[in-house]
Protein backbone atom coordinates (compact mmCIF):
# COMPACT_ATOMS: atom_id res chain seq x y z
CA MET A 1 -22.52 18.70 90.79
CA SER A 2 -24.23 17.55 87.63
CA LYS A 3 -22.48 17.44 84.30
CA ARG A 4 -23.50 19.93 81.67
CA GLY A 5 -25.38 18.38 78.76
CA ALA A 6 -24.07 18.36 75.24
CA SER A 7 -24.54 21.60 73.37
CA PRO A 8 -27.12 21.53 70.59
CA PRO A 9 -25.68 21.52 67.10
CA PRO A 10 -25.20 25.05 65.80
CA SER A 11 -27.50 26.27 63.07
CA THR A 12 -25.84 26.66 59.68
CA GLU A 13 -28.31 29.26 58.54
CA GLY A 14 -26.52 32.54 57.91
CA THR A 15 -23.18 31.08 58.99
CA LEU A 16 -20.06 31.22 56.80
CA ILE A 17 -18.51 27.76 56.41
CA LYS A 18 -14.92 27.51 55.22
CA ARG A 19 -14.42 24.57 52.89
CA ALA A 20 -11.24 22.58 52.87
CA ARG A 21 -8.94 23.41 49.96
CA SER A 22 -8.71 20.73 47.32
CA ASN A 23 -5.19 20.04 46.07
CA SER A 24 -6.37 18.33 42.88
CA PRO A 25 -7.49 20.63 40.03
CA ALA A 26 -10.63 20.01 38.03
CA GLN A 27 -10.20 17.58 35.21
CA ASN A 28 -10.86 20.20 32.57
CA GLN A 29 -8.29 22.66 33.90
CA ILE A 30 -4.54 22.84 34.38
CA ILE A 31 -3.12 24.77 37.33
CA ILE A 32 0.12 26.57 36.47
CA SER A 33 2.01 27.35 39.68
CA SER A 34 5.38 28.66 40.82
CA GLY A 35 7.81 26.85 43.06
CA ASN A 36 8.67 23.19 43.50
CA ASP A 37 7.33 22.79 47.03
CA ASP A 38 3.62 21.92 47.05
CA ARG A 39 3.16 23.81 50.31
CA GLN A 40 4.62 27.06 48.90
CA LYS A 41 3.15 27.07 45.40
CA GLY A 42 1.55 30.27 44.26
CA LEU A 43 -1.15 30.15 41.57
CA ILE A 44 -0.09 31.93 38.41
CA ARG A 45 -3.08 31.04 36.23
CA SER A 46 -5.38 28.19 35.38
CA VAL A 47 -5.79 27.00 31.80
CA LYS A 48 -9.12 25.57 30.77
CA ARG A 49 -8.84 22.33 28.82
CA THR A 50 -10.62 22.17 25.46
CA SER A 51 -10.20 18.52 24.44
CA ASN A 52 -10.06 14.97 25.76
CA LEU A 53 -6.31 14.63 25.31
CA GLU A 54 -4.34 13.52 28.33
CA ALA A 55 -2.29 16.74 28.23
CA PRO A 56 -2.32 19.93 26.14
CA ILE A 57 0.69 18.59 24.18
CA VAL A 58 1.25 14.89 23.52
CA SER A 59 4.34 13.50 21.78
CA LEU A 60 4.03 10.42 19.56
CA SER A 61 7.51 9.05 18.90
CA GLY A 62 9.55 5.89 18.66
CA SER A 63 8.03 4.33 15.54
CA HIS A 64 9.96 5.97 12.73
CA SER A 65 13.67 6.24 12.04
CA ALA A 66 13.31 8.87 9.30
CA GLU A 67 11.22 11.92 8.49
CA ILE A 68 7.44 11.76 8.62
CA LEU A 69 5.98 12.82 5.27
CA SER A 70 2.24 12.66 5.97
CA CYS A 71 0.00 12.18 9.02
CA ARG A 72 -3.77 12.18 9.19
CA PHE A 73 -6.70 11.55 11.55
CA ASP A 74 -9.24 8.97 10.47
CA PRO A 75 -12.80 10.23 9.77
CA THR A 76 -13.86 9.48 13.37
CA GLY A 77 -10.87 11.19 14.97
CA GLN A 78 -10.08 8.14 17.11
CA ASN A 79 -7.00 6.98 15.17
CA ILE A 80 -3.93 8.46 13.49
CA ALA A 81 -1.85 7.14 10.60
CA ALA A 82 1.59 8.44 9.64
CA CYS A 83 3.92 7.47 6.79
CA SER A 84 7.64 7.97 6.65
CA ALA A 85 10.73 7.93 4.48
CA ASP A 86 11.70 4.73 6.33
CA ARG A 87 9.05 2.94 4.15
CA SER A 88 6.67 2.24 7.03
CA VAL A 89 3.24 3.35 8.24
CA SER A 90 2.47 3.71 11.96
CA LEU A 91 -1.00 3.56 13.50
CA TRP A 92 -1.84 5.34 16.76
CA ARG A 93 -4.72 5.98 19.14
CA THR A 94 -5.60 9.65 19.43
CA TYR A 95 -6.71 9.46 23.07
CA PRO A 96 -5.05 8.01 26.18
CA PRO A 97 -3.04 5.90 26.41
CA ASN A 98 -2.03 6.92 22.83
CA THR A 99 -0.80 3.45 21.98
CA ASN A 100 1.11 2.70 18.79
CA TYR A 101 -0.98 -0.33 17.87
CA GLY A 102 0.37 -0.99 14.39
CA LEU A 103 3.47 -0.69 12.21
CA LEU A 104 3.20 -1.62 8.52
CA SER A 105 6.76 -1.94 7.25
CA SER A 106 6.62 -4.31 4.28
CA HIS A 107 4.08 -2.76 1.92
CA HIS A 108 6.41 -0.46 -0.06
CA LYS A 109 10.02 -0.60 -1.23
CA ALA A 110 10.66 3.15 -1.17
CA PRO A 111 9.66 6.17 0.96
CA ILE A 112 5.89 6.49 1.43
CA LEU A 113 4.97 10.03 0.44
CA ASP A 114 1.26 10.29 1.24
CA LEU A 115 -1.69 8.40 2.70
CA GLN A 116 -5.46 8.68 3.10
CA TRP A 117 -8.06 6.86 5.18
CA SER A 118 -10.96 5.37 3.26
CA LEU A 119 -14.23 7.24 3.75
CA PHE A 120 -16.43 4.16 4.11
CA SER A 121 -14.33 1.03 4.71
CA PRO A 122 -11.45 -0.04 7.01
CA LEU A 123 -8.87 0.60 4.28
CA LEU A 124 -5.77 2.77 4.19
CA TYR A 125 -4.47 4.05 0.85
CA THR A 126 -0.75 4.79 0.48
CA VAL A 127 1.46 6.00 -2.39
CA SER A 128 5.21 5.78 -2.63
CA ALA A 129 8.34 6.63 -4.58
CA ASP A 130 8.23 3.00 -5.82
CA GLN A 131 5.37 4.09 -8.17
CA MET A 132 2.85 1.89 -6.33
CA LEU A 133 -0.62 2.54 -4.91
CA SER A 134 -1.39 0.16 -2.04
CA PHE A 135 -4.62 -0.75 -0.25
CA THR A 136 -4.28 -2.05 3.32
CA ASP A 137 -7.06 -3.70 5.34
CA LEU A 138 -6.63 -2.24 8.83
CA THR A 139 -8.61 -5.01 10.51
CA THR A 140 -5.92 -7.54 9.53
CA GLY A 141 -2.94 -5.34 8.67
CA GLN A 142 -2.63 -7.11 5.32
CA ARG A 143 -2.25 -5.46 1.93
CA THR A 144 -5.30 -6.32 -0.17
CA ARG A 145 -4.40 -4.60 -3.45
CA LYS A 146 -1.25 -3.25 -5.09
CA ILE A 147 -1.31 -1.22 -8.31
CA ARG A 148 1.63 0.04 -10.34
CA ALA A 149 -0.12 3.33 -10.80
CA HIS A 150 2.51 5.50 -12.53
CA ARG A 151 5.87 5.53 -14.29
CA GLY A 152 7.33 8.02 -11.81
CA ILE A 153 7.31 8.95 -8.13
CA ILE A 154 3.77 9.38 -6.77
CA ASN A 155 3.68 12.58 -4.72
CA ALA A 156 0.11 12.77 -3.43
CA LEU A 157 -3.34 11.23 -3.42
CA ASP A 158 -6.87 12.16 -2.44
CA ARG A 159 -10.20 10.31 -2.30
CA THR A 160 -13.88 11.14 -2.63
CA MET A 161 -17.24 9.43 -2.88
CA ALA A 162 -18.65 9.52 -6.40
CA GLY A 163 -21.97 11.32 -6.27
CA GLY A 164 -24.89 8.92 -5.97
CA ALA A 165 -22.93 5.87 -7.11
CA GLY A 166 -21.53 4.89 -3.71
CA ILE A 167 -18.09 4.29 -5.25
CA GLU A 168 -14.93 5.71 -3.72
CA LEU A 169 -12.58 7.30 -6.24
CA ILE A 170 -8.86 7.84 -5.66
CA ALA A 171 -6.73 10.39 -7.52
CA THR A 172 -2.92 10.05 -7.62
CA ALA A 173 -0.46 12.75 -8.75
CA SER A 174 2.96 11.79 -10.07
CA ASP A 175 6.28 13.07 -11.39
CA ASP A 176 5.47 11.41 -14.71
CA GLY A 177 3.21 14.39 -15.49
CA THR A 178 -0.11 12.59 -15.09
CA VAL A 179 -2.94 12.36 -12.59
CA ARG A 180 -4.85 9.09 -12.62
CA VAL A 181 -8.21 8.20 -11.09
CA TRP A 182 -8.85 4.74 -9.61
CA GLU A 183 -11.73 2.88 -8.03
CA GLY A 184 -11.33 2.44 -4.28
CA GLY A 185 -12.48 -0.43 -2.12
CA GLU A 186 -11.38 -4.05 -2.28
CA ASP A 187 -13.20 -4.95 -5.53
CA GLY A 188 -12.04 -2.13 -7.80
CA SER A 189 -10.29 -2.62 -11.10
CA LYS A 190 -6.52 -2.37 -11.56
CA SER A 191 -7.11 -0.14 -14.59
CA SER A 192 -7.45 3.60 -14.12
CA VAL A 193 -10.84 5.23 -14.60
CA ALA A 194 -9.39 8.44 -16.06
CA VAL A 195 -6.00 9.90 -16.97
CA PHE A 196 -5.13 13.61 -17.13
CA GLU A 197 -1.91 14.64 -18.92
CA LEU A 198 -0.33 17.83 -17.58
CA GLY A 199 2.98 17.86 -19.39
CA CYS A 200 4.95 18.56 -16.19
CA PRO A 201 5.28 16.83 -12.81
CA ALA A 202 2.18 16.99 -10.58
CA THR A 203 2.98 17.69 -6.93
CA SER A 204 -0.48 17.69 -5.34
CA VAL A 205 -4.10 16.80 -5.95
CA ALA A 206 -7.49 17.40 -4.30
CA TRP A 207 -11.12 16.61 -5.16
CA SER A 208 -13.88 19.20 -5.26
CA ALA A 209 -16.70 18.82 -2.75
CA ASP A 210 -19.05 17.22 -5.29
CA GLY A 211 -16.38 14.91 -6.72
CA GLN A 212 -16.81 16.34 -10.23
CA ASN A 213 -13.60 18.39 -10.45
CA LEU A 214 -9.94 17.70 -9.68
CA TYR A 215 -7.53 20.40 -8.48
CA ILE A 216 -3.97 19.57 -9.51
CA GLY A 217 -0.88 21.47 -8.39
CA ALA A 218 2.02 21.27 -10.84
CA LEU A 219 5.61 22.31 -11.42
CA ASP A 220 4.47 25.16 -13.70
CA ASN A 221 3.30 27.08 -10.59
CA GLU A 222 -0.38 26.73 -11.51
CA ILE A 223 -3.31 24.77 -10.09
CA HIS A 224 -5.12 23.07 -12.97
CA VAL A 225 -8.84 22.36 -12.60
CA TYR A 226 -10.10 19.34 -14.55
CA ASP A 227 -13.70 18.26 -15.09
CA LEU A 228 -13.98 14.51 -14.57
CA ARG A 229 -17.01 14.14 -16.87
CA LYS A 230 -15.57 16.18 -19.75
CA GLY A 231 -12.07 14.81 -19.25
CA GLU A 232 -10.50 18.20 -19.90
CA GLN A 233 -9.17 21.26 -18.12
CA VAL A 234 -11.84 23.90 -17.44
CA TYR A 235 -9.68 26.64 -15.91
CA ALA A 236 -6.47 27.27 -13.95
CA LEU A 237 -5.76 29.02 -10.66
CA THR A 238 -2.79 31.38 -10.74
CA GLY A 239 -1.08 33.49 -8.10
CA HIS A 240 1.90 31.35 -7.09
CA THR A 241 5.44 32.32 -8.05
CA ASP A 242 6.76 28.85 -7.26
CA THR A 243 5.50 25.26 -7.14
CA PRO A 244 2.44 24.49 -4.96
CA THR A 245 3.39 21.80 -2.42
CA SER A 246 -0.07 20.55 -1.39
CA LEU A 247 -3.78 21.23 -1.80
CA ALA A 248 -6.55 21.11 0.81
CA LEU A 249 -10.23 21.92 0.31
CA SER A 250 -12.15 23.80 3.00
CA PRO A 251 -14.90 21.92 4.88
CA ASN A 252 -17.61 23.86 2.99
CA GLY A 253 -15.94 23.21 -0.36
CA ALA A 254 -15.65 26.92 -1.23
CA TYR A 255 -11.91 27.57 -0.76
CA LEU A 256 -8.66 25.82 -1.65
CA LEU A 257 -5.51 26.07 0.49
CA SER A 258 -2.15 25.79 -1.29
CA PRO A 259 1.29 26.33 0.29
CA SER A 260 4.23 26.71 -2.09
CA PHE A 261 8.02 26.73 -2.35
CA SER A 262 7.87 30.55 -2.35
CA SER A 263 6.83 30.49 1.35
CA HIS A 264 3.51 32.10 0.38
CA THR A 265 0.32 30.24 1.17
CA VAL A 266 -2.60 31.13 -1.09
CA ILE A 267 -6.29 30.54 -0.41
CA HIS A 268 -8.23 30.44 -3.70
CA ASP A 269 -11.97 30.98 -4.03
CA VAL A 270 -13.27 27.96 -5.98
CA ARG A 271 -16.98 28.73 -5.79
CA PRO A 272 -18.74 28.63 -9.17
CA PHE A 273 -19.20 32.41 -9.16
CA SER A 274 -16.27 34.09 -7.46
CA PRO A 275 -16.41 37.86 -6.83
CA SER A 276 -12.67 38.12 -7.56
CA PRO A 277 -11.39 37.75 -11.15
CA THR A 278 -8.15 36.19 -9.87
CA ARG A 279 -10.05 33.92 -7.42
CA ILE A 280 -7.45 34.78 -4.75
CA HIS A 281 -9.12 35.06 -1.34
CA ARG A 282 -6.05 35.42 0.92
CA VAL A 283 -2.27 35.36 0.64
CA LEU A 284 -0.73 34.21 3.93
CA GLN A 285 2.86 34.57 5.10
CA GLY A 286 4.65 33.13 8.12
CA ALA A 287 5.58 29.54 7.19
CA PRO A 288 9.00 29.50 5.47
CA ALA A 289 9.37 26.67 2.96
CA GLY A 290 13.17 26.45 3.32
CA PHE A 291 15.65 25.28 0.69
CA GLU A 292 14.99 21.52 0.89
CA ASN A 293 12.00 21.63 -1.51
CA THR A 294 9.87 19.52 0.83
CA LEU A 295 6.23 19.08 -0.18
CA LEU A 296 4.74 20.71 2.92
CA LYS A 297 1.12 19.73 3.61
CA GLY A 298 -1.42 22.20 4.98
CA ALA A 299 -4.86 21.67 6.51
CA TRP A 300 -8.16 23.33 7.46
CA SER A 301 -9.71 23.22 10.92
CA LYS A 302 -12.87 21.12 10.99
CA ASP A 303 -14.39 21.57 14.45
CA ASP A 304 -15.21 25.22 13.69
CA GLY A 305 -16.15 24.85 10.02
CA GLY A 306 -12.82 25.95 8.58
CA GLN A 307 -12.13 29.24 10.36
CA ARG A 308 -8.41 28.42 10.65
CA VAL A 309 -5.70 26.97 8.42
CA ALA A 310 -2.25 25.65 9.32
CA VAL A 311 1.02 24.96 7.49
CA GLY A 312 4.35 23.76 8.88
CA GLY A 313 7.64 25.40 8.06
CA ALA A 314 11.39 25.01 7.85
CA ASP A 315 11.69 27.12 11.03
CA ARG A 316 10.47 24.01 12.93
CA MET A 317 7.22 25.77 13.77
CA VAL A 318 3.58 25.40 12.76
CA CYS A 319 1.82 28.57 11.66
CA VAL A 320 -1.94 28.82 12.26
CA TRP A 321 -3.89 31.66 10.62
CA ASP A 322 -7.37 33.07 10.97
CA VAL A 323 -8.91 32.81 7.50
CA ASP A 324 -11.19 35.86 7.68
CA SER A 325 -8.54 38.33 8.82
CA GLY A 326 -5.39 36.59 7.55
CA ARG A 327 -3.59 37.22 10.84
CA VAL A 328 -1.35 34.68 12.55
CA LEU A 329 -3.06 33.11 15.57
CA TYR A 330 -0.29 30.73 16.67
CA LYS A 331 3.33 29.89 15.98
CA LEU A 332 3.61 26.46 17.59
CA PRO A 333 7.07 25.12 18.53
CA GLY A 334 8.12 21.66 19.71
CA HIS A 335 9.81 19.94 16.77
CA ARG A 336 13.53 19.64 16.08
CA GLY A 337 13.19 19.60 12.29
CA THR A 338 11.09 20.98 9.44
CA VAL A 339 7.38 20.44 10.07
CA THR A 340 6.30 18.55 6.96
CA CYS A 341 2.60 17.84 7.55
CA VAL A 342 -0.37 19.11 9.54
CA ASP A 343 -3.89 17.86 10.16
CA PHE A 344 -6.85 18.94 12.32
CA HIS A 345 -9.09 16.68 14.38
CA PRO A 346 -12.57 16.33 12.83
CA LYS A 347 -14.46 17.07 16.06
CA GLU A 348 -12.19 18.77 18.62
CA PRO A 349 -9.73 21.70 18.52
CA ILE A 350 -6.69 19.41 18.21
CA ILE A 351 -3.84 19.86 15.75
CA LEU A 352 -1.57 17.03 14.60
CA THR A 353 1.91 17.76 13.24
CA GLY A 354 4.66 15.57 11.77
CA SER A 355 8.28 16.49 11.29
CA LYS A 356 11.61 15.57 9.76
CA ASP A 357 12.73 14.64 13.27
CA GLY A 358 10.57 11.50 12.97
CA THR A 359 8.06 12.50 15.65
CA MET A 360 4.48 13.72 15.80
CA LEU A 361 2.86 16.13 18.24
CA LEU A 362 -0.77 16.47 19.26
CA GLY A 363 -1.60 19.98 20.42
CA GLU A 364 -4.71 21.42 22.02
CA LEU A 365 -5.97 24.75 20.65
CA ASP A 366 -8.52 27.24 21.83
CA PRO A 367 -11.98 26.44 20.41
CA GLY A 368 -12.97 28.37 17.33
CA VAL A 369 -15.35 31.28 17.69
């Protein structure tokens, strides 16, 4: 009896083939399941990832022993700097493994209230309650310049590139009632370029898109607009019933975001010809300022051209609004103290928040429409 030959391989044409199930989700998705046993998990939903973060929420902690007062992405979005009431500045990587690669703890003798990355050089600008403006070279970690900029606490600073001149200008706002303009870079003078007298403490400052005007928030509840060339005030933005805590210009330079101690966040229209006589574009509610009189810092989204704004609150949440409609898109939890500062990633839908609990959180948002 002869053995039967091997059967020919079956044709796959028109045949249903069942593929083996893969236990590992795609890299750009998160599988949310029920149950602790891998064999009995039931799929609830999958969440599509929108950024290159390691997880939708990343905690950056362990560097500061006191509240974080300002945190910002660098212009490339690859690095993060944060300053604290413990008189130190921490430097972090935005993307995995999110290392804390630097801690600058000897550059100021009092709480550091604000910081900014240079727009064209590896410098970090910081201002402090010790009345000093410091320049730090981030390639070496050494302070390259130190200026006694004011006679009072310096609350805020901002920087811009002077049009056509290739010079970076820094504006500092202080409790001594003045805003001073300085040359940035390593070779600038220790003398101020311009001085603007307000007559009351200045809490916040921001440059216009062309670098010709300065927006200055003050204790008199107004935002004063100064022309750098004329050296005088050209108009004032009203609408607040209490002190503005910070100022942030929209990516297109047309609108100005200003939270305040009244828990109202106002968006002013700063275009040359505004259709509104009051220049008020939106009044947003949802981020309580609390009773601690903290200078809360707001921010505009950048990956979508400024369609969203965010401000932290004393309720330990971050409120994110849609600018066009004024409605609240998110109330983001995660902190154990007042959320003092917010920033958006320049290229991806990522929000950065700092808090009085001494920690920062990176959160992934839905992409803008």
